[in-house]
Amino acid sequence: MEVNRLETSEIARAAVAAAADKQATDIVLLDVRDICSFADYFVLSSAESGRQINAVTEEIEEVLKRGGTRPVHREGAADSGWVLLDYGDVIIHTFAPFERQFYNLEDYWSAARTLVRIQ
């Protein structure tokens, strides 16, 4: 198992910046430390197509890899409208608009503190 070189908050903020670089929309960084037992941060973003979902997730993975951090797990597929990257204490979701609305994680985790919101 590779040791993360970036701090947890740095992983989350780097993921936000990488998603923004690939023109993801409605990017949200949630601090869930006080309400969640399995993660410290959630990063949520939307992408308009499967191709853009791939571009966003690949950019996040590449940026974090350069920082010495690799995902513990990856789930979903761009053509399903949702990809999850699990970095242990940071969970990153990239959604197509319909799936983002359907899963509605912001409401589900409404007690979380919003640290960043980029429209």
Protein backbone atom coordinates (compact mmCIF):
# COMPACT_ATOMS: atom_id res chain seq x y z
CA MET A 1 0.00 0.00 0.00
CA GLU A 2 1.37 3.37 -1.02
CA VAL A 3 1.54 6.08 1.61
CA ASN A 4 -0.20 9.33 0.67
CA ARG A 5 2.22 12.20 0.37
CA LEU A 6 -0.49 14.83 0.34
CA GLU A 7 -2.55 15.73 3.39
CA THR A 8 -6.23 14.85 3.20
CA SER A 9 -7.34 18.46 2.76
CA GLU A 10 -4.72 18.93 0.01
CA ILE A 11 -6.08 15.89 -1.83
CA ALA A 12 -9.60 17.34 -1.68
CA ARG A 13 -8.55 20.80 -2.85
CA ALA A 14 -6.34 19.41 -5.63
CA ALA A 15 -9.31 17.37 -6.86
CA VAL A 16 -11.48 20.50 -6.91
CA ALA A 17 -8.84 22.40 -8.91
CA ALA A 18 -8.37 19.50 -11.36
CA ALA A 19 -12.13 19.22 -11.94
CA ALA A 20 -12.32 22.97 -12.56
CA ASP A 21 -9.42 22.75 -15.02
CA LYS A 22 -11.49 20.31 -17.11
CA GLN A 23 -14.56 22.57 -16.98
CA ALA A 24 -16.61 20.44 -14.59
CA THR A 25 -19.58 22.38 -13.26
CA ASP A 26 -21.23 22.78 -9.87
CA ILE A 27 -18.12 21.66 -8.02
CA VAL A 28 -18.67 21.26 -4.29
CA LEU A 29 -16.23 20.35 -1.52
CA LEU A 30 -18.01 19.08 1.59
CA ASP A 31 -16.37 18.66 4.98
CA VAL A 32 -18.06 15.56 6.41
CA ARG A 33 -15.64 14.90 9.29
CA ASP A 34 -18.24 15.57 12.00
CA ILE A 35 -21.03 13.50 10.43
CA CYS A 36 -19.41 10.63 8.54
CA SER A 37 -17.42 7.67 9.83
CA PHE A 38 -15.77 6.63 6.54
CA ALA A 39 -14.50 9.88 5.01
CA ASP A 40 -13.39 13.42 5.82
CA TYR A 41 -14.26 15.13 2.54
CA PHE A 42 -16.53 14.63 -0.45
CA VAL A 43 -15.84 16.32 -3.76
CA LEU A 44 -18.86 16.46 -6.08
CA SER A 45 -18.87 17.73 -9.64
CA SER A 46 -20.94 17.51 -12.80
CA ALA A 47 -19.88 16.88 -16.39
CA GLU A 48 -22.08 17.15 -19.47
CA SER A 49 -21.07 13.94 -21.26
CA GLY A 50 -19.38 10.62 -20.74
CA ARG A 51 -16.34 11.99 -22.52
CA GLN A 52 -16.14 14.91 -20.11
CA ILE A 53 -16.66 12.63 -17.09
CA ASN A 54 -13.63 10.65 -18.29
CA ALA A 55 -11.60 13.82 -18.82
CA VAL A 56 -12.44 15.13 -15.33
CA THR A 57 -11.70 11.86 -13.52
CA GLU A 58 -8.52 11.23 -15.49
CA GLU A 59 -7.27 14.74 -14.70
CA ILE A 60 -8.00 14.28 -11.00
CA GLU A 61 -6.17 10.94 -10.98
CA GLU A 62 -3.18 12.39 -12.85
CA VAL A 63 -2.86 15.46 -10.62
CA LEU A 64 -3.07 13.38 -7.45
CA LYS A 65 -0.70 10.74 -8.84
CA ARG A 66 1.90 13.48 -9.41
CA GLY A 67 1.44 14.32 -5.73
CA GLY A 68 2.17 10.71 -4.80
CA THR A 69 -1.43 9.69 -4.16
CA ARG A 70 -3.36 6.93 -5.91
CA PRO A 71 -6.99 5.92 -5.46
CA VAL A 72 -7.80 3.03 -3.18
CA HIS A 73 -10.79 2.17 -5.36
CA ARG A 74 -12.57 3.35 -8.49
CA GLU A 75 -16.23 2.61 -9.17
CA GLY A 76 -18.73 3.39 -11.91
CA ALA A 77 -18.17 4.27 -15.53
CA ALA A 78 -18.56 7.39 -17.61
CA ASP A 79 -21.27 5.81 -19.75
CA SER A 80 -23.29 5.11 -16.58
CA GLY A 81 -23.24 8.83 -15.73
CA TRP A 82 -21.22 8.48 -12.54
CA VAL A 83 -17.64 7.74 -11.48
CA LEU A 84 -16.41 7.53 -7.90
CA LEU A 85 -12.74 7.83 -6.96
CA ASP A 86 -11.99 6.67 -3.41
CA TYR A 87 -8.86 8.15 -1.87
CA GLY A 88 -9.58 6.83 1.61
CA ASP A 89 -10.61 9.93 3.53
CA VAL A 90 -11.55 11.77 0.32
CA ILE A 91 -14.38 10.47 -1.86
CA ILE A 92 -14.72 12.10 -5.29
CA HIS A 93 -17.92 11.83 -7.33
CA THR A 94 -18.23 13.01 -10.94
CA PHE A 95 -21.79 12.89 -12.23
CA ALA A 96 -23.77 13.53 -15.38
CA PRO A 97 -26.54 16.07 -14.57
CA PHE A 98 -29.37 13.50 -14.33
CA GLU A 99 -27.43 11.23 -11.98
CA ARG A 100 -26.32 14.19 -9.87
CA GLN A 101 -29.93 15.19 -9.38
CA PHE A 102 -31.05 11.59 -8.81
CA TYR A 103 -28.48 10.79 -6.10
CA ASN A 104 -28.82 14.27 -4.56
CA LEU A 105 -25.83 13.85 -2.25
CA GLU A 106 -25.83 17.49 -1.19
CA ASP A 107 -29.25 17.05 0.41
CA TYR A 108 -28.38 13.63 1.83
CA TRP A 109 -25.27 15.12 3.48
CA SER A 110 -26.90 18.50 4.18
CA ALA A 111 -25.35 18.64 7.67
CA ALA A 112 -21.89 18.78 6.06
CA ARG A 113 -20.03 22.05 5.90
CA THR A 114 -19.57 23.39 2.36
CA LEU A 115 -15.96 24.53 2.00
CA VAL A 116 -15.96 25.31 -1.73
CA ARG A 117 -18.70 25.80 -4.31
CA ILE A 118 -17.80 26.62 -7.90
CA GLN A 119 -20.74 27.07 -10.21
